Amino acid sequence: MLHAFILFPYYFFGALTILLLSMIVSRVLRLGVSINVLVGIAIAAGILGLAIPLAADVFDLHQLGGKPMLVLAASTFVLAAVDAVLAKVLPLALDTELKEI
């Protein structure tokens, strides 16, 4: 049971990566999407992105080690930097929502 706790960082960084990627896509395509919708999509996709392959035996818990986590964590930093640069060039309505939080 203890080895199942390795999934918590994957859920966190997976949802964060999907959120940042969806924010970048909404900036580039100039979509007027609320941050609440993007967060909901990111959380659902992060959970389903791990639950479905684990349930279908696509990979095992033993394959979820440090290297995939490092790649996922590094991608969140890269996507956050890209989003910060794009926020100055392509501001959206969700930027004002994020400032209010």
Protein backbone atom coordinates (compact mmCIF):
# COMPACT_ATOMS: atom_id res chain seq x y z
CA MET A 1 0.00 0.00 0.00
CA LEU A 2 2.85 2.38 0.75
CA HIS A 3 4.12 2.27 -2.83
CA ALA A 4 0.78 3.72 -3.98
CA PHE A 5 1.75 7.05 -2.38
CA ILE A 6 4.13 7.65 -5.30
CA LEU A 7 1.03 8.63 -7.29
CA PHE A 8 0.40 11.83 -5.31
CA PRO A 9 3.26 13.81 -6.90
CA TYR A 10 2.24 12.50 -10.31
CA TYR A 11 -1.31 13.73 -9.77
CA PHE A 12 -0.03 17.13 -8.62
CA PHE A 13 2.56 17.72 -11.32
CA GLY A 14 0.37 16.14 -13.99
CA ALA A 15 -2.53 18.47 -13.25
CA LEU A 16 -0.18 21.46 -13.01
CA THR A 17 1.43 20.62 -16.35
CA ILE A 18 -1.94 20.21 -18.04
CA LEU A 19 -3.16 23.49 -16.51
CA LEU A 20 -0.14 25.41 -17.78
CA LEU A 21 -0.40 23.81 -21.20
CA SER A 22 -4.10 24.67 -21.45
CA MET A 23 -3.37 28.25 -20.37
CA ILE A 24 -0.75 28.57 -23.12
CA VAL A 25 -3.15 27.14 -25.70
CA SER A 26 -5.90 29.52 -24.59
CA ARG A 27 -3.47 32.45 -24.89
CA VAL A 28 -2.28 31.51 -28.35
CA LEU A 29 -5.80 30.82 -29.63
CA ARG A 30 -7.20 33.84 -27.73
CA LEU A 31 -9.93 31.78 -26.07
CA GLY A 32 -12.05 33.46 -23.41
CA VAL A 33 -11.98 30.53 -21.00
CA SER A 34 -12.33 30.99 -17.26
CA ILE A 35 -9.53 29.80 -15.00
CA ASN A 36 -12.05 27.67 -13.10
CA VAL A 37 -12.82 25.68 -16.25
CA LEU A 38 -9.13 25.19 -17.00
CA VAL A 39 -8.42 23.99 -13.45
CA GLY A 40 -11.32 21.53 -13.59
CA ILE A 41 -10.11 20.14 -16.90
CA ALA A 42 -6.54 19.87 -15.62
CA ILE A 43 -7.53 18.00 -12.45
CA ALA A 44 -9.79 15.59 -14.30
CA ALA A 45 -7.19 14.95 -17.00
CA GLY A 46 -4.46 14.46 -14.41
CA ILE A 47 -6.45 11.86 -12.51
CA LEU A 48 -7.70 10.07 -15.61
CA GLY A 49 -4.24 10.19 -17.17
CA LEU A 50 -2.95 8.01 -14.35
CA ALA A 51 -6.02 5.98 -13.42
CA ILE A 52 -6.87 4.66 -16.88
CA PRO A 53 -3.38 3.38 -17.82
CA LEU A 54 -2.94 1.83 -14.37
CA ALA A 55 -6.33 0.14 -14.57
CA ALA A 56 -5.60 -1.12 -18.09
CA ASP A 57 -2.18 -2.45 -17.03
CA VAL A 58 -0.37 -0.24 -19.55
CA PHE A 59 2.31 0.37 -16.93
CA ASP A 60 2.98 -0.70 -13.37
CA LEU A 61 3.58 1.34 -10.23
CA HIS A 62 7.19 0.19 -10.23
CA GLN A 63 7.78 2.06 -13.50
CA LEU A 64 6.80 5.36 -11.88
CA GLY A 65 10.16 6.29 -10.47
CA GLY A 66 12.34 9.35 -10.24
CA LYS A 67 13.16 9.98 -13.90
CA PRO A 68 9.57 10.38 -15.15
CA MET A 69 8.80 12.56 -12.13
CA LEU A 70 11.83 14.73 -12.85
CA VAL A 71 10.74 15.18 -16.47
CA LEU A 72 7.22 16.07 -15.39
CA ALA A 73 8.45 18.54 -12.75
CA ALA A 74 10.90 20.15 -15.18
CA SER A 75 8.17 20.54 -17.78
CA THR A 76 6.06 22.50 -15.29
CA PHE A 77 8.90 25.00 -14.83
CA VAL A 78 9.41 25.34 -18.59
CA LEU A 79 5.70 25.80 -19.26
CA ALA A 80 5.40 28.32 -16.41
CA ALA A 81 8.22 30.36 -17.94
CA VAL A 82 6.59 30.23 -21.38
CA ASP A 83 3.26 31.29 -19.89
CA ALA A 84 4.90 34.18 -18.03
CA VAL A 85 6.47 35.44 -21.25
CA LEU A 86 3.22 35.05 -23.19
CA ALA A 87 1.24 36.82 -20.46
CA LYS A 88 3.06 40.06 -21.26
CA VAL A 89 2.44 39.74 -24.99
CA LEU A 90 -1.01 38.10 -25.05
CA PRO A 91 -2.99 39.14 -21.96
CA LEU A 92 -6.30 37.41 -21.36
CA ALA A 93 -9.29 37.78 -19.08
CA LEU A 94 -8.04 34.93 -16.94
CA ASP A 95 -5.06 37.09 -15.95
CA THR A 96 -7.36 39.45 -14.09
CA GLU A 97 -9.03 36.44 -12.44
CA LEU A 98 -5.64 35.21 -11.28
CA LYS A 99 -4.70 38.63 -9.90
CA GLU A 100 -7.88 38.67 -7.81
CA ILE A 101 -7.07 35.33 -6.17
